[in-house]
Amino acid sequence: MTDLKQALSNTAEKIEAVLDDILSPKGAPEHRIYSAMRYTTLGGGKRLRPFLVAQSASLFDVAEMNALRTGAALELIHCYSLVHDDLPAMDDDDLRRGKPTVHMAYDEATAILVGDALLTLAFEVAAQPETHDDAEIRIELVDMLARASGARGMVGGQMIDLEAEKKDLDLEEITLLQQLKTGALIGYGCEAGAILGNASAEQRQALISYASDLGLAFQIADDLLDVEGSVEETGKAVGKDEDAGKETFVSLLGINGARDEAKRIADRAVSQLSIFDAKADLLRATAEFVVVRRN
């Protein structure tokens, strides 16, 4: 696990530098929006999704900067989603990554615009030649990112999540919710590496299957943290799902049942990587890590 933590840290530092460069355009006409974009994007987060891009791309010896820029585009989408998720009309959170959310530090209108700006910037980054010199690969990256982040992915999952406050969901419905809301971007993180590396159909499917299980295990662990974690550990409010009356993996399976299910799914994620050699060891370790993390 020490090797994984070091690899996560190394990737996070490199992604931070790429994001810092992307969010430092020369001659930007509107300073406040860039200030708020930098506030929410830089200096925090595990950078798990860019890490998945980097690791999946490394299986195919993709150039590091291609993977980092693709990971940065994905992280911009993730950060936008957090800004909008925290708004009063959504989850109404005041704390994110241990500091005030954007609408608290700035205002609600700025937070909406920050989300809009990060979303559109992500596609700008993915479409640029610096991300890959093959235009067809860039188009596929943009296409898959749009699918993962839109109504058939993360946004669709968020809509189901909002509806969950008004009705009870069963285990199958909660699984679908999380496969879209959380799993779609995690899935893109792994599939993007396959796209960059011109992976075979078998290799690409293995990474898609791995990511599907990883995203589900990650979300079950998140549900457990919402019940068992603290603000100090997670950097955000806890106990919100229960307060909102939402059904979760924990409410349906119980704490021990949810923990066992997360472990079972994480083990299955590891098994999906059997066609890869030792290059995939950090991806295997990631599946084990997501179910024991405390933030």
C-alpha atoms as a PDB file:
ATOM      1  CA  MET A   1       0.000   0.000   0.000  1.00  0.00           C
ATOM      2  CA  THR A   2       3.007   2.300   0.567  1.00  0.00           C
ATOM      3  CA  ASP A   3       3.913   2.072  -3.130  1.00  0.00           C
ATOM      4  CA  LEU A   4       0.339   3.012  -4.062  1.00  0.00           C
ATOM      5  CA  LYS A   5       0.272   6.006  -1.740  1.00  0.00           C
ATOM      6  CA  GLN A   6       3.571   7.228  -3.192  1.00  0.00           C
ATOM      7  CA  ALA A   7       2.302   6.739  -6.748  1.00  0.00           C
ATOM      8  CA  LEU A   8      -0.934   8.585  -5.937  1.00  0.00           C
ATOM      9  CA  SER A   9       1.070  11.434  -4.428  1.00  0.00           C
ATOM     10  CA  ASN A  10       3.441  11.618  -7.409  1.00  0.00           C
ATOM     11  CA  THR A  11       0.581  11.699  -9.896  1.00  0.00           C
ATOM     12  CA  ALA A  12      -1.302  14.279  -7.823  1.00  0.00           C
ATOM     13  CA  GLU A  13       1.752  16.579  -7.904  1.00  0.00           C
ATOM     14  CA  LYS A  14       2.072  16.258 -11.671  1.00  0.00           C
ATOM     15  CA  ILE A  15      -1.657  16.794 -12.232  1.00  0.00           C
ATOM     16  CA  GLU A  16      -1.528  19.838  -9.950  1.00  0.00           C
ATOM     17  CA  ALA A  17       1.190  21.339 -12.136  1.00  0.00           C
ATOM     18  CA  VAL A  18      -0.768  20.674 -15.339  1.00  0.00           C
ATOM     19  CA  LEU A  19      -3.958  22.127 -13.848  1.00  0.00           C
ATOM     20  CA  ASP A  20      -2.061  25.146 -12.550  1.00  0.00           C
ATOM     21  CA  ASP A  21      -0.771  25.801 -16.071  1.00  0.00           C
ATOM     22  CA  ILE A  22      -4.212  25.288 -17.660  1.00  0.00           C
ATOM     23  CA  LEU A  23      -5.812  27.661 -15.152  1.00  0.00           C
ATOM     24  CA  SER A  24      -3.170  30.379 -15.648  1.00  0.00           C
ATOM     25  CA  PRO A  25      -4.043  31.753 -19.087  1.00  0.00           C
ATOM     26  CA  LYS A  26      -2.157  34.843 -20.071  1.00  0.00           C
ATOM     27  CA  GLY A  27      -4.304  37.942 -20.521  1.00  0.00           C
ATOM     28  CA  ALA A  28      -7.473  36.413 -19.039  1.00  0.00           C
ATOM     29  CA  PRO A  29     -10.164  39.142 -19.151  1.00  0.00           C
ATOM     30  CA  GLU A  30     -12.083  38.069 -16.042  1.00  0.00           C
ATOM     31  CA  HIS A  31      -9.960  37.596 -12.944  1.00  0.00           C
ATOM     32  CA  ARG A  32     -12.711  36.638 -10.494  1.00  0.00           C
ATOM     33  CA  ILE A  33     -13.845  33.560 -12.429  1.00  0.00           C
ATOM     34  CA  TYR A  34     -10.277  32.259 -12.728  1.00  0.00           C
ATOM     35  CA  SER A  35      -9.683  32.959  -9.055  1.00  0.00           C
ATOM     36  CA  ALA A  36     -12.727  30.869  -8.144  1.00  0.00           C
ATOM     37  CA  MET A  37     -11.808  28.120 -10.642  1.00  0.00           C
ATOM     38  CA  ARG A  38      -8.357  27.859  -9.108  1.00  0.00           C
ATOM     39  CA  TYR A  39      -9.833  27.928  -5.607  1.00  0.00           C
ATOM     40  CA  THR A  40     -11.902  24.825  -6.189  1.00  0.00           C
ATOM     41  CA  THR A  41      -9.501  22.916  -8.447  1.00  0.00           C
ATOM     42  CA  LEU A  42      -6.034  23.383  -6.990  1.00  0.00           C
ATOM     43  CA  GLY A  43      -4.572  22.275  -3.692  1.00  0.00           C
ATOM     44  CA  GLY A  44      -6.766  19.347  -2.721  1.00  0.00           C
ATOM     45  CA  GLY A  45      -8.285  16.007  -3.554  1.00  0.00           C
ATOM     46  CA  LYS A  46      -6.862  12.532  -4.083  1.00  0.00           C
ATOM     47  CA  ARG A  47      -6.755  12.979  -7.891  1.00  0.00           C
ATOM     48  CA  LEU A  48      -7.927   9.359  -8.139  1.00  0.00           C
ATOM     49  CA  ARG A  49      -9.512   9.784 -11.561  1.00  0.00           C
ATOM     50  CA  PRO A  50      -6.397  11.244 -13.231  1.00  0.00           C
ATOM     51  CA  PHE A  51      -4.389   8.528 -11.486  1.00  0.00           C
ATOM     52  CA  LEU A  52      -6.550   5.911 -13.189  1.00  0.00           C
ATOM     53  CA  VAL A  53      -5.892   7.564 -16.554  1.00  0.00           C
ATOM     54  CA  ALA A  54      -2.157   7.571 -15.887  1.00  0.00           C
ATOM     55  CA  GLN A  55      -2.060   3.957 -14.740  1.00  0.00           C
ATOM     56  CA  SER A  56      -4.283   2.565 -17.476  1.00  0.00           C
ATOM     57  CA  ALA A  57      -2.296   4.505 -20.093  1.00  0.00           C
ATOM     58  CA  SER A  58       0.977   3.172 -18.688  1.00  0.00           C
ATOM     59  CA  LEU A  59      -0.154  -0.354 -19.581  1.00  0.00           C
ATOM     60  CA  PHE A  60       0.302   0.662 -23.226  1.00  0.00           C
ATOM     61  CA  ASP A  61       3.398   2.860 -22.831  1.00  0.00           C
ATOM     62  CA  VAL A  62       1.497   6.060 -23.603  1.00  0.00           C
ATOM     63  CA  ALA A  63       3.534   9.282 -23.331  1.00  0.00           C
ATOM     64  CA  GLU A  64       3.145  10.673 -19.821  1.00  0.00           C
ATOM     65  CA  MET A  65       1.986  14.155 -20.831  1.00  0.00           C
ATOM     66  CA  ASN A  66      -0.766  12.719 -23.027  1.00  0.00           C
ATOM     67  CA  ALA A  67      -2.089  10.841 -19.998  1.00  0.00           C
ATOM     68  CA  LEU A  68      -1.665  13.818 -17.649  1.00  0.00           C
ATOM     69  CA  ARG A  69      -3.562  16.217 -19.910  1.00  0.00           C
ATOM     70  CA  THR A  70      -6.344  13.675 -20.396  1.00  0.00           C
ATOM     71  CA  GLY A  71      -6.433  13.171 -16.635  1.00  0.00           C
ATOM     72  CA  ALA A  72      -6.532  16.930 -16.105  1.00  0.00           C
ATOM     73  CA  ALA A  73      -9.551  17.225 -18.416  1.00  0.00           C
ATOM     74  CA  LEU A  74     -11.289  14.525 -16.389  1.00  0.00           C
ATOM     75  CA  GLU A  75     -10.407  16.236 -13.112  1.00  0.00           C
ATOM     76  CA  LEU A  76     -11.896  19.509 -14.387  1.00  0.00           C
ATOM     77  CA  ILE A  77     -15.190  17.662 -14.960  1.00  0.00           C
ATOM     78  CA  HIS A  78     -14.996  16.128 -11.496  1.00  0.00           C
ATOM     79  CA  CYS A  79     -14.328  19.506  -9.866  1.00  0.00           C
ATOM     80  CA  TYR A  80     -17.188  21.145 -11.739  1.00  0.00           C
ATOM     81  CA  SER A  81     -19.519  18.407 -10.529  1.00  0.00           C
ATOM     82  CA  LEU A  82     -18.476  18.999  -6.916  1.00  0.00           C
ATOM     83  CA  VAL A  83     -19.100  22.755  -7.188  1.00  0.00           C
ATOM     84  CA  HIS A  84     -22.610  22.219  -8.534  1.00  0.00           C
ATOM     85  CA  ASP A  85     -23.277  19.297  -6.177  1.00  0.00           C
ATOM     86  CA  ASP A  86     -22.540  21.549  -3.192  1.00  0.00           C
ATOM     87  CA  LEU A  87     -25.020  24.260  -4.225  1.00  0.00           C
ATOM     88  CA  PRO A  88     -28.099  24.894  -2.039  1.00  0.00           C
ATOM     89  CA  ALA A  89     -30.350  23.543  -4.807  1.00  0.00           C
ATOM     90  CA  MET A  90     -28.443  20.242  -4.727  1.00  0.00           C
ATOM     91  CA  ASP A  91     -26.769  18.889  -1.569  1.00  0.00           C
ATOM     92  CA  ASP A  92     -26.390  22.294   0.136  1.00  0.00           C
ATOM     93  CA  ASP A  93     -22.914  21.701   1.571  1.00  0.00           C
ATOM     94  CA  ASP A  94     -20.772  24.361   3.204  1.00  0.00           C
ATOM     95  CA  LEU A  95     -17.526  22.375   3.362  1.00  0.00           C
ATOM     96  CA  ARG A  96     -15.493  20.581   0.703  1.00  0.00           C
ATOM     97  CA  ARG A  97     -11.937  19.266   1.060  1.00  0.00           C
ATOM     98  CA  GLY A  98     -11.738  20.900   4.455  1.00  0.00           C
ATOM     99  CA  LYS A  99     -12.511  24.448   3.284  1.00  0.00           C
ATOM    100  CA  PRO A 100     -15.633  26.485   2.448  1.00  0.00           C
ATOM    101  CA  THR A 101     -17.391  25.459  -0.741  1.00  0.00           C
ATOM    102  CA  VAL A 102     -17.271  27.852  -3.683  1.00  0.00           C
ATOM    103  CA  HIS A 103     -20.735  29.310  -3.139  1.00  0.00           C
ATOM    104  CA  MET A 104     -19.740  30.051   0.478  1.00  0.00           C
ATOM    105  CA  ALA A 105     -16.314  31.477  -0.338  1.00  0.00           C
ATOM    106  CA  TYR A 106     -17.636  33.510  -3.284  1.00  0.00           C
ATOM    107  CA  ASP A 107     -21.384  33.405  -4.004  1.00  0.00           C
ATOM    108  CA  GLU A 108     -23.947  31.144  -5.672  1.00  0.00           C
ATOM    109  CA  ALA A 109     -23.859  32.866  -9.052  1.00  0.00           C
ATOM    110  CA  THR A 110     -20.086  32.592  -9.193  1.00  0.00           C
ATOM    111  CA  ALA A 111     -20.287  28.911  -8.223  1.00  0.00           C
ATOM    112  CA  ILE A 112     -22.679  28.205 -11.105  1.00  0.00           C
ATOM    113  CA  LEU A 113     -20.385  29.997 -13.549  1.00  0.00           C
ATOM    114  CA  VAL A 114     -17.320  28.211 -12.155  1.00  0.00           C
ATOM    115  CA  GLY A 115     -18.969  24.861 -12.834  1.00  0.00           C
ATOM    116  CA  ASP A 116     -19.915  25.958 -16.345  1.00  0.00           C
ATOM    117  CA  ALA A 117     -16.384  27.208 -17.014  1.00  0.00           C
ATOM    118  CA  LEU A 118     -14.656  24.054 -15.720  1.00  0.00           C
ATOM    119  CA  LEU A 119     -17.000  21.845 -17.752  1.00  0.00           C
ATOM    120  CA  THR A 120     -16.323  23.615 -21.021  1.00  0.00           C
ATOM    121  CA  LEU A 121     -12.594  23.954 -20.300  1.00  0.00           C
ATOM    122  CA  ALA A 122     -12.358  20.174 -19.901  1.00  0.00           C
ATOM    123  CA  PHE A 123     -13.426  19.617 -23.508  1.00  0.00           C
ATOM    124  CA  GLU A 124     -11.102  22.372 -24.711  1.00  0.00           C
ATOM    125  CA  VAL A 125      -8.169  20.590 -23.051  1.00  0.00           C
ATOM    126  CA  ALA A 126      -9.164  17.161 -24.376  1.00  0.00           C
ATOM    127  CA  ALA A 127      -9.526  18.523 -27.924  1.00  0.00           C
ATOM    128  CA  GLN A 128      -6.129  20.237 -28.090  1.00  0.00           C
ATOM    129  CA  PRO A 129      -3.252  18.667 -30.086  1.00  0.00           C
ATOM    130  CA  GLU A 130      -1.069  18.738 -26.968  1.00  0.00           C
ATOM    131  CA  THR A 131      -3.313  16.032 -25.511  1.00  0.00           C
ATOM    132  CA  HIS A 132      -2.671  13.730 -28.480  1.00  0.00           C
ATOM    133  CA  ASP A 133      -1.386  14.324 -31.983  1.00  0.00           C
ATOM    134  CA  ASP A 134      -3.968  11.961 -33.519  1.00  0.00           C
ATOM    135  CA  ALA A 135      -7.210  13.880 -34.107  1.00  0.00           C
ATOM    136  CA  GLU A 136      -9.271  10.671 -34.187  1.00  0.00           C
ATOM    137  CA  ILE A 137      -8.073   9.739 -30.722  1.00  0.00           C
ATOM    138  CA  ARG A 138      -8.879  13.240 -29.452  1.00  0.00           C
ATOM    139  CA  ILE A 139     -12.376  13.008 -30.925  1.00  0.00           C
ATOM    140  CA  GLU A 140     -12.922   9.680 -29.190  1.00  0.00           C
ATOM    141  CA  LEU A 141     -11.665  11.110 -25.896  1.00  0.00           C
ATOM    142  CA  VAL A 142     -14.093  14.037 -26.198  1.00  0.00           C
ATOM    143  CA  ASP A 143     -16.971  11.784 -27.227  1.00  0.00           C
ATOM    144  CA  MET A 144     -16.475   9.355 -24.336  1.00  0.00           C
ATOM    145  CA  LEU A 145     -15.992  12.199 -21.838  1.00  0.00           C
ATOM    146  CA  ALA A 146     -19.278  13.775 -22.971  1.00  0.00           C
ATOM    147  CA  ARG A 147     -21.078  10.451 -22.526  1.00  0.00           C
ATOM    148  CA  ALA A 148     -19.561   9.842 -19.091  1.00  0.00           C
ATOM    149  CA  SER A 149     -20.371  13.308 -17.777  1.00  0.00           C
ATOM    150  CA  GLY A 150     -23.794  13.909 -19.361  1.00  0.00           C
ATOM    151  CA  ALA A 151     -27.340  12.622 -19.063  1.00  0.00           C
ATOM    152  CA  ARG A 152     -26.277   9.054 -19.797  1.00  0.00           C
ATOM    153  CA  GLY A 153     -23.623   9.267 -17.101  1.00  0.00           C
ATOM    154  CA  MET A 154     -22.856  11.500 -14.126  1.00  0.00           C
ATOM    155  CA  VAL A 155     -25.667  14.035 -14.657  1.00  0.00           C
ATOM    156  CA  GLY A 156     -28.196  11.256 -15.108  1.00  0.00           C
ATOM    157  CA  GLY A 157     -27.023   9.711 -11.855  1.00  0.00           C
ATOM    158  CA  GLN A 158     -27.335  13.033 -10.058  1.00  0.00           C
ATOM    159  CA  MET A 159     -30.925  13.345 -11.290  1.00  0.00           C
ATOM    160  CA  ILE A 160     -31.767   9.891  -9.909  1.00  0.00           C
ATOM    161  CA  ASP A 161     -30.063  10.891  -6.658  1.00  0.00           C
ATOM    162  CA  LEU A 162     -32.287  13.959  -6.335  1.00  0.00           C
ATOM    163  CA  GLU A 163     -35.360  11.827  -6.980  1.00  0.00           C
ATOM    164  CA  ALA A 164     -34.183   9.403  -4.289  1.00  0.00           C
ATOM    165  CA  GLU A 165     -35.080  11.996  -1.659  1.00  0.00           C
ATOM    166  CA  LYS A 166     -38.745  11.552  -2.607  1.00  0.00           C
ATOM    167  CA  LYS A 167     -38.968   7.765  -2.983  1.00  0.00           C
ATOM    168  CA  ASP A 168     -37.313   4.607  -1.732  1.00  0.00           C
ATOM    169  CA  LEU A 169     -34.870   2.892  -4.053  1.00  0.00           C
ATOM    170  CA  ASP A 170     -34.060  -0.806  -4.017  1.00  0.00           C
ATOM    171  CA  LEU A 171     -30.549  -2.238  -4.312  1.00  0.00           C
ATOM    172  CA  GLU A 172     -30.725  -2.507  -8.098  1.00  0.00           C
ATOM    173  CA  GLU A 173     -31.802   1.136  -8.439  1.00  0.00           C
ATOM    174  CA  ILE A 174     -29.100   2.351  -6.055  1.00  0.00           C
ATOM    175  CA  THR A 175     -26.514   0.363  -7.989  1.00  0.00           C
ATOM    176  CA  LEU A 176     -27.622   2.031 -11.239  1.00  0.00           C
ATOM    177  CA  LEU A 177     -27.572   5.450  -9.563  1.00  0.00           C
ATOM    178  CA  GLN A 178     -23.990   5.008  -8.421  1.00  0.00           C
ATOM    179  CA  GLN A 179     -22.820   3.419 -11.668  1.00  0.00           C
ATOM    180  CA  LEU A 180     -23.880   6.661 -13.340  1.00  0.00           C
ATOM    181  CA  LYS A 181     -23.169   9.326 -10.723  1.00  0.00           C
ATOM    182  CA  THR A 182     -19.825   8.000  -9.489  1.00  0.00           C
ATOM    183  CA  GLY A 183     -18.886   5.127 -11.746  1.00  0.00           C
ATOM    184  CA  ALA A 184     -19.148   6.851 -15.125  1.00  0.00           C
ATOM    185  CA  LEU A 185     -16.196   9.193 -14.553  1.00  0.00           C
ATOM    186  CA  ILE A 186     -14.147   6.450 -12.891  1.00  0.00           C
ATOM    187  CA  GLY A 187     -14.935   4.302 -15.907  1.00  0.00           C
ATOM    188  CA  TYR A 188     -13.732   7.035 -18.231  1.00  0.00           C
ATOM    189  CA  GLY A 189     -10.494   7.257 -16.264  1.00  0.00           C
ATOM    190  CA  CYS A 190      -9.665   3.678 -17.190  1.00  0.00           C
ATOM    191  CA  GLU A 191     -11.127   3.639 -20.694  1.00  0.00           C
ATOM    192  CA  ALA A 192      -9.270   6.840 -21.622  1.00  0.00           C
ATOM    193  CA  GLY A 193      -5.968   5.044 -21.066  1.00  0.00           C
ATOM    194  CA  ALA A 194      -7.114   2.333 -23.439  1.00  0.00           C
ATOM    195  CA  ILE A 195      -8.127   4.946 -26.024  1.00  0.00           C
ATOM    196  CA  LEU A 196      -4.776   6.716 -25.761  1.00  0.00           C
ATOM    197  CA  GLY A 197      -2.957   3.398 -26.074  1.00  0.00           C
ATOM    198  CA  ASN A 198      -4.936   1.944 -28.978  1.00  0.00           C
ATOM    199  CA  ALA A 199      -5.730  -1.052 -26.796  1.00  0.00           C
ATOM    200  CA  SER A 200      -7.262  -4.212 -28.184  1.00  0.00           C
ATOM    201  CA  ALA A 201     -10.975  -4.836 -27.688  1.00  0.00           C
ATOM    202  CA  GLU A 202     -10.183  -7.449 -25.026  1.00  0.00           C
ATOM    203  CA  GLN A 203      -7.860  -5.121 -23.121  1.00  0.00           C
ATOM    204  CA  ARG A 204     -10.328  -2.251 -23.306  1.00  0.00           C
ATOM    205  CA  GLN A 205     -13.189  -4.421 -22.036  1.00  0.00           C
ATOM    206  CA  ALA A 206     -11.058  -5.659 -19.148  1.00  0.00           C
ATOM    207  CA  LEU A 207     -10.407  -2.073 -18.061  1.00  0.00           C
ATOM    208  CA  ILE A 208     -14.084  -1.145 -18.457  1.00  0.00           C
ATOM    209  CA  SER A 209     -15.118  -4.114 -16.287  1.00  0.00           C
ATOM    210  CA  TYR A 210     -12.450  -3.278 -13.710  1.00  0.00           C
ATOM    211  CA  ALA A 211     -13.582   0.339 -13.560  1.00  0.00           C
ATOM    212  CA  SER A 212     -17.241  -0.632 -13.184  1.00  0.00           C
ATOM    213  CA  ASP A 213     -16.425  -2.714 -10.112  1.00  0.00           C
ATOM    214  CA  LEU A 214     -13.975  -0.131  -8.774  1.00  0.00           C
ATOM    215  CA  GLY A 215     -16.574   2.653  -8.983  1.00  0.00           C
ATOM    216  CA  LEU A 216     -19.150   0.585  -7.143  1.00  0.00           C
ATOM    217  CA  ALA A 217     -16.716  -0.411  -4.397  1.00  0.00           C
ATOM    218  CA  PHE A 218     -15.658   3.241  -4.100  1.00  0.00           C
ATOM    219  CA  GLN A 219     -19.250   4.387  -3.620  1.00  0.00           C
ATOM    220  CA  ILE A 220     -20.060   1.733  -1.019  1.00  0.00           C
ATOM    221  CA  ALA A 221     -16.989   2.900   0.899  1.00  0.00           C
ATOM    222  CA  ASP A 222     -18.284   6.483   0.560  1.00  0.00           C
ATOM    223  CA  ASP A 223     -21.634   5.412   2.029  1.00  0.00           C
ATOM    224  CA  LEU A 224     -19.782   3.825   4.940  1.00  0.00           C
ATOM    225  CA  LEU A 225     -17.764   6.990   5.493  1.00  0.00           C
ATOM    226  CA  ASP A 226     -20.967   9.029   5.580  1.00  0.00           C
ATOM    227  CA  VAL A 227     -22.055   6.868   8.524  1.00  0.00           C
ATOM    228  CA  GLU A 228     -18.758   6.110  10.264  1.00  0.00           C
ATOM    229  CA  GLY A 229     -16.457   8.942   9.202  1.00  0.00           C
ATOM    230  CA  SER A 230     -15.858  12.385  10.672  1.00  0.00           C
ATOM    231  CA  VAL A 231     -15.614  15.871   9.195  1.00  0.00           C
ATOM    232  CA  GLU A 232     -11.920  15.892  10.131  1.00  0.00           C
ATOM    233  CA  GLU A 233     -11.278  12.707   8.133  1.00  0.00           C
ATOM    234  CA  THR A 234     -13.433  13.377   5.096  1.00  0.00           C
ATOM    235  CA  GLY A 235     -13.140  17.170   4.807  1.00  0.00           C
ATOM    236  CA  LYS A 236     -16.910  17.420   4.261  1.00  0.00           C
ATOM    237  CA  ALA A 237     -20.147  17.020   6.179  1.00  0.00           C
ATOM    238  CA  VAL A 238     -21.138  13.476   7.173  1.00  0.00           C
ATOM    239  CA  GLY A 239     -24.472  11.873   8.007  1.00  0.00           C
ATOM    240  CA  LYS A 240     -26.202  13.749   5.202  1.00  0.00           C
ATOM    241  CA  ASP A 241     -27.695  10.720   3.457  1.00  0.00           C
ATOM    242  CA  GLU A 242     -29.522   9.595   6.579  1.00  0.00           C
ATOM    243  CA  ASP A 243     -30.667  13.151   7.340  1.00  0.00           C
ATOM    244  CA  ALA A 244     -32.078  13.408   3.798  1.00  0.00           C
ATOM    245  CA  GLY A 245     -33.803  10.041   4.144  1.00  0.00           C
ATOM    246  CA  LYS A 246     -31.900   8.545   1.208  1.00  0.00           C
ATOM    247  CA  GLU A 247     -31.542   4.825   0.731  1.00  0.00           C
ATOM    248  CA  THR A 248     -27.885   3.797   0.420  1.00  0.00           C
ATOM    249  CA  PHE A 249     -25.910   0.564   0.340  1.00  0.00           C
ATOM    250  CA  VAL A 250     -25.486   0.933   4.107  1.00  0.00           C
ATOM    251  CA  SER A 251     -29.178   1.514   4.830  1.00  0.00           C
ATOM    252  CA  LEU A 252     -30.116  -1.550   2.766  1.00  0.00           C
ATOM    253  CA  LEU A 253     -27.261  -3.911   3.646  1.00  0.00           C
ATOM    254  CA  GLY A 254     -26.215  -2.681   7.089  1.00  0.00           C
ATOM    255  CA  ILE A 255     -22.666  -1.584   7.977  1.00  0.00           C
ATOM    256  CA  ASN A 256     -21.169  -5.071   8.031  1.00  0.00           C
ATOM    257  CA  GLY A 257     -23.072  -6.162   4.936  1.00  0.00           C
ATOM    258  CA  ALA A 258     -21.958  -3.078   3.025  1.00  0.00           C
ATOM    259  CA  ARG A 259     -18.356  -3.581   4.084  1.00  0.00           C
ATOM    260  CA  ASP A 260     -18.446  -7.222   2.950  1.00  0.00           C
ATOM    261  CA  GLU A 261     -20.043  -6.233  -0.352  1.00  0.00           C
ATOM    262  CA  ALA A 262     -17.388  -3.576  -0.978  1.00  0.00           C
ATOM    263  CA  LYS A 263     -14.647  -6.132  -0.346  1.00  0.00           C
ATOM    264  CA  ARG A 264     -16.308  -8.688  -2.639  1.00  0.00           C
ATOM    265  CA  ILE A 265     -16.652  -6.183  -5.479  1.00  0.00           C
ATOM    266  CA  ALA A 266     -13.089  -4.906  -5.007  1.00  0.00           C
ATOM    267  CA  ASP A 267     -11.800  -8.480  -5.253  1.00  0.00           C
ATOM    268  CA  ARG A 268     -13.803  -8.907  -8.446  1.00  0.00           C
ATOM    269  CA  ALA A 269     -12.278  -5.705  -9.812  1.00  0.00           C
ATOM    270  CA  VAL A 270      -8.803  -7.133  -9.249  1.00  0.00           C
ATOM    271  CA  SER A 271      -9.763 -10.319 -11.092  1.00  0.00           C
ATOM    272  CA  GLN A 272     -10.761  -8.273 -14.157  1.00  0.00           C
ATOM    273  CA  LEU A 273      -7.086  -7.375 -14.659  1.00  0.00           C
ATOM    274  CA  SER A 274      -5.885 -10.958 -15.064  1.00  0.00           C
ATOM    275  CA  ILE A 275      -4.939 -10.399 -18.723  1.00  0.00           C
ATOM    276  CA  PHE A 276      -2.389  -7.749 -17.727  1.00  0.00           C
ATOM    277  CA  ASP A 277       1.073  -8.295 -16.260  1.00  0.00           C
ATOM    278  CA  ALA A 278       2.762  -6.598 -13.299  1.00  0.00           C
ATOM    279  CA  LYS A 279       2.222  -3.204 -14.950  1.00  0.00           C
ATOM    280  CA  ALA A 280      -1.336  -3.380 -13.566  1.00  0.00           C
ATOM    281  CA  ASP A 281      -0.272  -3.967  -9.958  1.00  0.00           C
ATOM    282  CA  LEU A 282      -1.002  -0.382  -8.906  1.00  0.00           C
ATOM    283  CA  LEU A 283      -4.484  -0.676 -10.398  1.00  0.00           C
ATOM    284  CA  ARG A 284      -4.951  -3.868  -8.394  1.00  0.00           C
ATOM    285  CA  ALA A 285      -3.767  -2.090  -5.251  1.00  0.00           C
ATOM    286  CA  THR A 286      -6.171   0.774  -5.973  1.00  0.00           C
ATOM    287  CA  ALA A 287      -9.146  -1.591  -5.812  1.00  0.00           C
ATOM    288  CA  GLU A 288      -7.973  -2.762  -2.400  1.00  0.00           C
ATOM    289  CA  PHE A 289      -7.337   0.808  -1.241  1.00  0.00           C
ATOM    290  CA  VAL A 290     -10.712   2.314  -2.079  1.00  0.00           C
ATOM    291  CA  VAL A 291     -12.551   0.111   0.417  1.00  0.00           C
ATOM    292  CA  VAL A 292     -10.287   0.948   3.385  1.00  0.00           C
ATOM    293  CA  ARG A 293      -9.716   4.667   2.775  1.00  0.00           C
ATOM    294  CA  ARG A 294     -10.853   7.205   5.363  1.00  0.00           C
ATOM    295  CA  ASN A 295     -11.391  10.205   3.079  1.00  0.00           C
END
